[in-house]
Amino acid sequence: MLGEDALVLTAIEKPILLLVEGRDDRMLFSGLLQHLGRTQEVAVEEYGGKAGLRGYLDPLRIRGGFESLQALVVVRDADNDCKTALQSVRDALDQYGFGRPVEPLAFTAASPRVAAIII
């Protein structure tokens, strides 16, 4: 995971940003995107586990390239309770002014479009 200072300095270079909890998730989704031929348009970044999502979202809007971001997808483990996990993601997104997905896999209309995947 990148530290908070590194996130501010690292530009967003792709139109879709897929946020995952940790290294294993990043490896899985990066491999899947490579297999699907979607690595040119989707960047995968770790936010450091469920407790790290808010800290990751806080500086996201001031990163270079944010204005070109078309979609933001947050992947979170259900941890035995899908509703609670989704609510946690929605609350974090709302705290930092991002759209609140109504349900998993449903994009918001706001720019950037936002979705949550609960696994």
C-alpha atoms as a PDB file:
ATOM      1  CA  MET A   1       0.000   0.000   0.000  1.00  0.00           C
ATOM      2  CA  LEU A   2       1.165   3.511  -0.737  1.00  0.00           C
ATOM      3  CA  GLY A   3       1.442   5.938   2.120  1.00  0.00           C
ATOM      4  CA  GLU A   4      -0.844   8.962   2.236  1.00  0.00           C
ATOM      5  CA  ASP A   5       1.923  11.320   1.032  1.00  0.00           C
ATOM      6  CA  ALA A   6       2.669   9.078  -1.964  1.00  0.00           C
ATOM      7  CA  LEU A   7      -0.995   9.095  -2.973  1.00  0.00           C
ATOM      8  CA  VAL A   8      -1.035  12.884  -3.158  1.00  0.00           C
ATOM      9  CA  LEU A   9       2.023  12.835  -5.419  1.00  0.00           C
ATOM     10  CA  THR A  10       0.981   9.925  -7.637  1.00  0.00           C
ATOM     11  CA  ALA A  11      -1.132  10.985 -10.593  1.00  0.00           C
ATOM     12  CA  ILE A  12      -4.177   9.017 -11.669  1.00  0.00           C
ATOM     13  CA  GLU A  13      -3.354   7.959 -15.210  1.00  0.00           C
ATOM     14  CA  LYS A  14      -6.316   5.795 -16.220  1.00  0.00           C
ATOM     15  CA  PRO A  15     -10.022   6.653 -16.546  1.00  0.00           C
ATOM     16  CA  ILE A  16     -11.170   3.879 -14.181  1.00  0.00           C
ATOM     17  CA  LEU A  17      -9.791   3.311 -10.685  1.00  0.00           C
ATOM     18  CA  LEU A  18     -10.479   0.004  -8.951  1.00  0.00           C
ATOM     19  CA  LEU A  19      -9.779   0.197  -5.216  1.00  0.00           C
ATOM     20  CA  VAL A  20      -9.137  -3.067  -3.383  1.00  0.00           C
ATOM     21  CA  GLU A  21      -8.411  -3.905   0.245  1.00  0.00           C
ATOM     22  CA  GLY A  22      -4.956  -5.420  -0.029  1.00  0.00           C
ATOM     23  CA  ARG A  23      -2.164  -7.081  -1.956  1.00  0.00           C
ATOM     24  CA  ASP A  24      -3.943 -10.376  -2.659  1.00  0.00           C
ATOM     25  CA  ASP A  25      -6.991  -8.544  -4.007  1.00  0.00           C
ATOM     26  CA  ARG A  26      -4.742  -6.328  -6.142  1.00  0.00           C
ATOM     27  CA  MET A  27      -2.987  -9.340  -7.611  1.00  0.00           C
ATOM     28  CA  LEU A  28      -6.294 -11.122  -8.318  1.00  0.00           C
ATOM     29  CA  PHE A  29      -7.990  -8.152 -10.002  1.00  0.00           C
ATOM     30  CA  SER A  30      -4.841  -7.103 -11.879  1.00  0.00           C
ATOM     31  CA  GLY A  31      -4.542 -10.623 -13.295  1.00  0.00           C
ATOM     32  CA  LEU A  32      -8.218 -10.704 -14.213  1.00  0.00           C
ATOM     33  CA  LEU A  33      -7.989  -7.330 -15.961  1.00  0.00           C
ATOM     34  CA  GLN A  34      -4.895  -8.476 -17.821  1.00  0.00           C
ATOM     35  CA  HIS A  35      -6.713 -11.637 -18.943  1.00  0.00           C
ATOM     36  CA  LEU A  36      -9.654  -9.503 -20.145  1.00  0.00           C
ATOM     37  CA  GLY A  37      -7.362  -7.039 -21.912  1.00  0.00           C
ATOM     38  CA  ARG A  38      -8.560  -4.081 -19.816  1.00  0.00           C
ATOM     39  CA  THR A  39      -5.270  -2.913 -18.253  1.00  0.00           C
ATOM     40  CA  GLN A  40      -5.049   0.169 -20.498  1.00  0.00           C
ATOM     41  CA  GLU A  41      -8.172   1.696 -18.979  1.00  0.00           C
ATOM     42  CA  VAL A  42      -8.304   0.374 -15.394  1.00  0.00           C
ATOM     43  CA  ALA A  43      -5.798   1.018 -12.589  1.00  0.00           C
ATOM     44  CA  VAL A  44      -5.902  -1.169  -9.470  1.00  0.00           C
ATOM     45  CA  GLU A  45      -4.780   0.337  -6.153  1.00  0.00           C
ATOM     46  CA  GLU A  46      -4.839  -0.904  -2.562  1.00  0.00           C
ATOM     47  CA  TYR A  47      -6.458   1.123   0.188  1.00  0.00           C
ATOM     48  CA  GLY A  48      -5.051  -0.882   3.086  1.00  0.00           C
ATOM     49  CA  GLY A  49      -7.972  -2.932   4.388  1.00  0.00           C
ATOM     50  CA  LYS A  50     -11.421  -1.865   5.486  1.00  0.00           C
ATOM     51  CA  ALA A  51      -9.973   0.504   8.090  1.00  0.00           C
ATOM     52  CA  GLY A  52      -7.879   2.246   5.411  1.00  0.00           C
ATOM     53  CA  LEU A  53     -10.614   3.267   2.978  1.00  0.00           C
ATOM     54  CA  ARG A  54     -11.373   6.647   4.544  1.00  0.00           C
ATOM     55  CA  GLY A  55      -7.693   7.562   4.708  1.00  0.00           C
ATOM     56  CA  TYR A  56      -7.329   6.616   1.065  1.00  0.00           C
ATOM     57  CA  LEU A  57     -10.375   8.607  -0.090  1.00  0.00           C
ATOM     58  CA  ASP A  58      -9.418  11.746   1.855  1.00  0.00           C
ATOM     59  CA  PRO A  59      -6.603  12.925  -0.494  1.00  0.00           C
ATOM     60  CA  LEU A  60      -7.986  11.297  -3.658  1.00  0.00           C
ATOM     61  CA  ARG A  61      -9.592  14.468  -5.059  1.00  0.00           C
ATOM     62  CA  ILE A  62      -6.303  16.407  -4.954  1.00  0.00           C
ATOM     63  CA  ARG A  63      -4.269  13.828  -6.883  1.00  0.00           C
ATOM     64  CA  GLY A  64      -3.177  14.790 -10.365  1.00  0.00           C
ATOM     65  CA  GLY A  65      -5.475  13.363 -13.011  1.00  0.00           C
ATOM     66  CA  PHE A  66      -8.504  13.186 -10.733  1.00  0.00           C
ATOM     67  CA  GLU A  67     -10.453  15.498 -13.025  1.00  0.00           C
ATOM     68  CA  SER A  68     -10.158  12.876 -15.809  1.00  0.00           C
ATOM     69  CA  LEU A  69     -11.367  10.011 -13.630  1.00  0.00           C
ATOM     70  CA  GLN A  70     -14.553   8.545 -15.110  1.00  0.00           C
ATOM     71  CA  ALA A  71     -15.277   5.730 -12.660  1.00  0.00           C
ATOM     72  CA  LEU A  72     -14.280   4.699  -9.160  1.00  0.00           C
ATOM     73  CA  VAL A  73     -15.029   1.153  -7.989  1.00  0.00           C
ATOM     74  CA  VAL A  74     -14.470   0.090  -4.376  1.00  0.00           C
ATOM     75  CA  VAL A  75     -14.072  -3.634  -3.675  1.00  0.00           C
ATOM     76  CA  ARG A  76     -14.605  -4.758  -0.090  1.00  0.00           C
ATOM     77  CA  ASP A  77     -14.828  -8.134   1.636  1.00  0.00           C
ATOM     78  CA  ALA A  78     -18.277  -8.836   3.096  1.00  0.00           C
ATOM     79  CA  ASP A  79     -16.819 -10.231   6.331  1.00  0.00           C
ATOM     80  CA  ASN A  80     -19.993 -12.316   6.868  1.00  0.00           C
ATOM     81  CA  ASP A  81     -22.327  -9.313   6.532  1.00  0.00           C
ATOM     82  CA  CYS A  82     -22.870  -7.874   3.054  1.00  0.00           C
ATOM     83  CA  LYS A  83     -25.257  -5.125   4.221  1.00  0.00           C
ATOM     84  CA  THR A  84     -22.862  -3.807   6.854  1.00  0.00           C
ATOM     85  CA  ALA A  85     -19.917  -3.904   4.443  1.00  0.00           C
ATOM     86  CA  LEU A  86     -21.865  -1.990   1.786  1.00  0.00           C
ATOM     87  CA  GLN A  87     -23.046   0.563   4.348  1.00  0.00           C
ATOM     88  CA  SER A  88     -19.467   1.081   5.500  1.00  0.00           C
ATOM     89  CA  VAL A  89     -18.311   1.730   1.922  1.00  0.00           C
ATOM     90  CA  ARG A  90     -21.269   4.048   1.271  1.00  0.00           C
ATOM     91  CA  ASP A  91     -20.589   6.019   4.470  1.00  0.00           C
ATOM     92  CA  ALA A  92     -16.898   6.452   3.573  1.00  0.00           C
ATOM     93  CA  LEU A  93     -17.743   7.586   0.033  1.00  0.00           C
ATOM     94  CA  ASP A  94     -20.360   9.997   1.353  1.00  0.00           C
ATOM     95  CA  GLN A  95     -17.956  11.474   3.915  1.00  0.00           C
ATOM     96  CA  TYR A  96     -15.613  12.569   1.102  1.00  0.00           C
ATOM     97  CA  GLY A  97     -18.282  13.792  -1.307  1.00  0.00           C
ATOM     98  CA  PHE A  98     -18.462  10.811  -3.649  1.00  0.00           C
ATOM     99  CA  GLY A  99     -21.695   9.255  -4.863  1.00  0.00           C
ATOM    100  CA  ARG A 100     -23.368   6.556  -2.750  1.00  0.00           C
ATOM    101  CA  PRO A 101     -24.078   3.354  -4.683  1.00  0.00           C
ATOM    102  CA  VAL A 102     -27.616   2.141  -3.955  1.00  0.00           C
ATOM    103  CA  GLU A 103     -26.578  -1.515  -4.151  1.00  0.00           C
ATOM    104  CA  PRO A 104     -23.498  -3.549  -5.066  1.00  0.00           C
ATOM    105  CA  LEU A 105     -22.503  -3.265  -8.744  1.00  0.00           C
ATOM    106  CA  ALA A 106     -24.798  -0.260  -9.318  1.00  0.00           C
ATOM    107  CA  PHE A 107     -23.039   2.883 -10.556  1.00  0.00           C
ATOM    108  CA  THR A 108     -24.008   6.349  -9.403  1.00  0.00           C
ATOM    109  CA  ALA A 109     -24.779   9.069 -11.927  1.00  0.00           C
ATOM    110  CA  ALA A 110     -22.306  11.542 -10.388  1.00  0.00           C
ATOM    111  CA  SER A 111     -18.896  12.201 -11.921  1.00  0.00           C
ATOM    112  CA  PRO A 112     -16.881  10.192 -11.362  1.00  0.00           C
ATOM    113  CA  ARG A 113     -19.393   7.359 -11.429  1.00  0.00           C
ATOM    114  CA  VAL A 114     -18.985   5.237  -8.308  1.00  0.00           C
ATOM    115  CA  ALA A 115     -19.772   1.586  -7.617  1.00  0.00           C
ATOM    116  CA  ALA A 116     -19.096  -0.904  -4.852  1.00  0.00           C
ATOM    117  CA  ILE A 117     -18.356  -4.599  -5.177  1.00  0.00           C
ATOM    118  CA  ILE A 118     -18.870  -6.607  -2.000  1.00  0.00           C
ATOM    119  CA  ILE A 119     -17.226 -10.051  -2.086  1.00  0.00           C
END
